[in-house]
Amino acid sequence: MCTIAEKLSSTPTEMTESDWQPLRDTGFDDSACLEVGHIVGLFNYLTRLADGFGLKLDLETENAGRERKALVRPQ
Protein backbone atom coordinates (compact mmCIF):
# COMPACT_ATOMS: atom_id res chain seq x y z
CA MET A 1 0.00 0.00 0.00
CA CYS A 2 2.88 2.39 0.77
CA THR A 3 4.37 1.76 -2.66
CA ILE A 4 1.05 2.64 -4.28
CA ALA A 5 0.67 5.75 -2.11
CA GLU A 6 4.15 6.93 -3.05
CA LYS A 7 3.65 6.44 -6.79
CA LEU A 8 0.12 7.86 -6.75
CA SER A 9 1.49 10.94 -4.96
CA SER A 10 4.66 11.51 -6.96
CA THR A 11 3.84 10.26 -10.47
CA PRO A 12 0.08 9.67 -10.72
CA THR A 13 0.03 9.74 -14.52
CA GLU A 14 2.37 6.73 -14.54
CA MET A 15 -0.01 4.52 -12.54
CA THR A 16 -1.09 1.36 -14.35
CA GLU A 17 -3.36 -1.54 -13.51
CA SER A 18 -0.32 -3.60 -12.52
CA ASP A 19 0.49 -1.12 -9.74
CA TRP A 20 -2.74 -2.14 -8.01
CA GLN A 21 -2.15 -5.87 -8.41
CA PRO A 22 -0.39 -6.36 -5.04
CA LEU A 23 -3.48 -5.00 -3.29
CA ARG A 24 -5.76 -7.13 -5.43
CA ASP A 25 -3.65 -10.17 -4.56
CA THR A 26 -4.42 -9.55 -0.87
CA GLY A 27 -8.15 -9.34 -1.52
CA PHE A 28 -8.78 -5.67 -2.31
CA ASP A 29 -11.65 -5.24 -4.76
CA ASP A 30 -12.39 -2.17 -6.91
CA SER A 31 -14.11 -0.41 -4.02
CA ALA A 32 -11.20 -0.96 -1.65
CA CYS A 33 -8.67 0.22 -4.25
CA LEU A 34 -10.77 3.33 -4.83
CA GLU A 35 -10.83 3.97 -1.07
CA VAL A 36 -7.02 3.75 -0.95
CA GLY A 37 -6.86 6.26 -3.81
CA HIS A 38 -9.25 8.60 -2.01
CA ILE A 39 -7.26 8.46 1.23
CA VAL A 40 -3.96 9.11 -0.56
CA GLY A 41 -5.52 11.99 -2.47
CA LEU A 42 -7.04 13.49 0.66
CA PHE A 43 -3.74 13.41 2.55
CA ASN A 44 -1.97 14.99 -0.43
CA TYR A 45 -4.61 17.70 -0.58
CA LEU A 46 -4.51 18.48 3.14
CA THR A 47 -0.71 18.62 3.20
CA ARG A 48 -0.60 20.99 0.24
CA LEU A 49 -3.31 23.16 1.75
CA ALA A 50 -1.46 23.37 5.08
CA ASP A 51 1.80 24.17 3.29
CA GLY A 52 0.04 26.82 1.19
CA PHE A 53 -1.23 28.56 4.30
CA GLY A 54 2.12 28.26 6.03
CA LEU A 55 0.81 26.10 8.86
CA LYS A 56 3.48 24.67 11.13
CA LEU A 57 3.46 21.74 13.53
CA ASP A 58 3.36 22.45 17.23
CA LEU A 59 6.65 21.77 19.05
CA GLU A 60 5.44 18.57 20.73
CA THR A 61 4.37 17.01 17.42
CA GLU A 62 7.53 18.16 15.66
CA ASN A 63 9.71 16.62 18.39
CA ALA A 64 7.74 13.36 18.33
CA GLY A 65 8.29 13.09 14.57
CA ARG A 66 11.98 13.84 14.82
CA GLU A 67 12.44 11.32 17.65
CA ARG A 68 10.09 8.81 16.00
CA LYS A 69 7.96 8.57 19.14
CA ALA A 70 4.20 8.33 19.23
CA LEU A 71 2.24 11.17 20.72
CA VAL A 72 0.29 10.19 23.82
CA ARG A 73 -3.01 11.84 24.68
CA PRO A 74 -3.30 13.16 28.21
CA GLN A 75 -5.55 11.06 30.43
C-alpha atoms as a PDB file:
ATOM      1  CA  MET A   1       0.000   0.000   0.000  1.00  0.00           C
ATOM      2  CA  CYS A   2       2.876   2.392   0.774  1.00  0.00           C
ATOM      3  CA  THR A   3       4.372   1.763  -2.662  1.00  0.00           C
ATOM      4  CA  ILE A   4       1.051   2.638  -4.280  1.00  0.00           C
ATOM      5  CA  ALA A   5       0.670   5.748  -2.113  1.00  0.00           C
ATOM      6  CA  GLU A   6       4.152   6.929  -3.050  1.00  0.00           C
ATOM      7  CA  LYS A   7       3.645   6.440  -6.787  1.00  0.00           C
ATOM      8  CA  LEU A   8       0.115   7.862  -6.748  1.00  0.00           C
ATOM      9  CA  SER A   9       1.494  10.937  -4.960  1.00  0.00           C
ATOM     10  CA  SER A  10       4.661  11.506  -6.963  1.00  0.00           C
ATOM     11  CA  THR A  11       3.844  10.263 -10.466  1.00  0.00           C
ATOM     12  CA  PRO A  12       0.085   9.665 -10.715  1.00  0.00           C
ATOM     13  CA  THR A  13       0.033   9.738 -14.520  1.00  0.00           C
ATOM     14  CA  GLU A  14       2.373   6.730 -14.545  1.00  0.00           C
ATOM     15  CA  MET A  15      -0.006   4.519 -12.539  1.00  0.00           C
ATOM     16  CA  THR A  16      -1.086   1.357 -14.349  1.00  0.00           C
ATOM     17  CA  GLU A  17      -3.364  -1.539 -13.508  1.00  0.00           C
ATOM     18  CA  SER A  18      -0.319  -3.598 -12.518  1.00  0.00           C
ATOM     19  CA  ASP A  19       0.489  -1.119  -9.737  1.00  0.00           C
ATOM     20  CA  TRP A  20      -2.735  -2.138  -8.009  1.00  0.00           C
ATOM     21  CA  GLN A  21      -2.153  -5.871  -8.406  1.00  0.00           C
ATOM     22  CA  PRO A  22      -0.388  -6.357  -5.040  1.00  0.00           C
ATOM     23  CA  LEU A  23      -3.484  -5.001  -3.286  1.00  0.00           C
ATOM     24  CA  ARG A  24      -5.759  -7.127  -5.428  1.00  0.00           C
ATOM     25  CA  ASP A  25      -3.649 -10.174  -4.561  1.00  0.00           C
ATOM     26  CA  THR A  26      -4.416  -9.555  -0.875  1.00  0.00           C
ATOM     27  CA  GLY A  27      -8.154  -9.344  -1.521  1.00  0.00           C
ATOM     28  CA  PHE A  28      -8.781  -5.673  -2.310  1.00  0.00           C
ATOM     29  CA  ASP A  29     -11.652  -5.238  -4.758  1.00  0.00           C
ATOM     30  CA  ASP A  30     -12.387  -2.169  -6.912  1.00  0.00           C
ATOM     31  CA  SER A  31     -14.109  -0.408  -4.016  1.00  0.00           C
ATOM     32  CA  ALA A  32     -11.202  -0.962  -1.651  1.00  0.00           C
ATOM     33  CA  CYS A  33      -8.669   0.220  -4.249  1.00  0.00           C
ATOM     34  CA  LEU A  34     -10.772   3.334  -4.828  1.00  0.00           C
ATOM     35  CA  GLU A  35     -10.828   3.966  -1.070  1.00  0.00           C
ATOM     36  CA  VAL A  36      -7.019   3.750  -0.954  1.00  0.00           C
ATOM     37  CA  GLY A  37      -6.862   6.263  -3.808  1.00  0.00           C
ATOM     38  CA  HIS A  38      -9.253   8.604  -2.007  1.00  0.00           C
ATOM     39  CA  ILE A  39      -7.259   8.458   1.234  1.00  0.00           C
ATOM     40  CA  VAL A  40      -3.960   9.105  -0.562  1.00  0.00           C
ATOM     41  CA  GLY A  41      -5.519  11.994  -2.470  1.00  0.00           C
ATOM     42  CA  LEU A  42      -7.038  13.490   0.662  1.00  0.00           C
ATOM     43  CA  PHE A  43      -3.739  13.406   2.548  1.00  0.00           C
ATOM     44  CA  ASN A  44      -1.969  14.991  -0.428  1.00  0.00           C
ATOM     45  CA  TYR A  45      -4.610  17.702  -0.583  1.00  0.00           C
ATOM     46  CA  LEU A  46      -4.506  18.476   3.143  1.00  0.00           C
ATOM     47  CA  THR A  47      -0.711  18.624   3.199  1.00  0.00           C
ATOM     48  CA  ARG A  48      -0.604  20.993   0.239  1.00  0.00           C
ATOM     49  CA  LEU A  49      -3.314  23.155   1.748  1.00  0.00           C
ATOM     50  CA  ALA A  50      -1.462  23.369   5.082  1.00  0.00           C
ATOM     51  CA  ASP A  51       1.801  24.174   3.288  1.00  0.00           C
ATOM     52  CA  GLY A  52       0.041  26.815   1.191  1.00  0.00           C
ATOM     53  CA  PHE A  53      -1.230  28.561   4.296  1.00  0.00           C
ATOM     54  CA  GLY A  54       2.125  28.257   6.031  1.00  0.00           C
ATOM     55  CA  LEU A  55       0.810  26.100   8.863  1.00  0.00           C
ATOM     56  CA  LYS A  56       3.481  24.669  11.134  1.00  0.00           C
ATOM     57  CA  LEU A  57       3.459  21.739  13.526  1.00  0.00           C
ATOM     58  CA  ASP A  58       3.364  22.448  17.226  1.00  0.00           C
ATOM     59  CA  LEU A  59       6.649  21.774  19.051  1.00  0.00           C
ATOM     60  CA  GLU A  60       5.441  18.569  20.730  1.00  0.00           C
ATOM     61  CA  THR A  61       4.365  17.015  17.422  1.00  0.00           C
ATOM     62  CA  GLU A  62       7.528  18.162  15.663  1.00  0.00           C
ATOM     63  CA  ASN A  63       9.711  16.619  18.394  1.00  0.00           C
ATOM     64  CA  ALA A  64       7.743  13.360  18.332  1.00  0.00           C
ATOM     65  CA  GLY A  65       8.292  13.095  14.568  1.00  0.00           C
ATOM     66  CA  ARG A  66      11.980  13.844  14.824  1.00  0.00           C
ATOM     67  CA  GLU A  67      12.441  11.318  17.647  1.00  0.00           C
ATOM     68  CA  ARG A  68      10.086   8.815  16.000  1.00  0.00           C
ATOM     69  CA  LYS A  69       7.962   8.572  19.144  1.00  0.00           C
ATOM     70  CA  ALA A  70       4.200   8.328  19.228  1.00  0.00           C
ATOM     71  CA  LEU A  71       2.237  11.168  20.721  1.00  0.00           C
ATOM     72  CA  VAL A  72       0.288  10.186  23.821  1.00  0.00           C
ATOM     73  CA  ARG A  73      -3.011  11.840  24.677  1.00  0.00           C
ATOM     74  CA  PRO A  74      -3.301  13.163  28.209  1.00  0.00           C
ATOM     75  CA  GLN A  75      -5.549  11.056  30.428  1.00  0.00           C
END
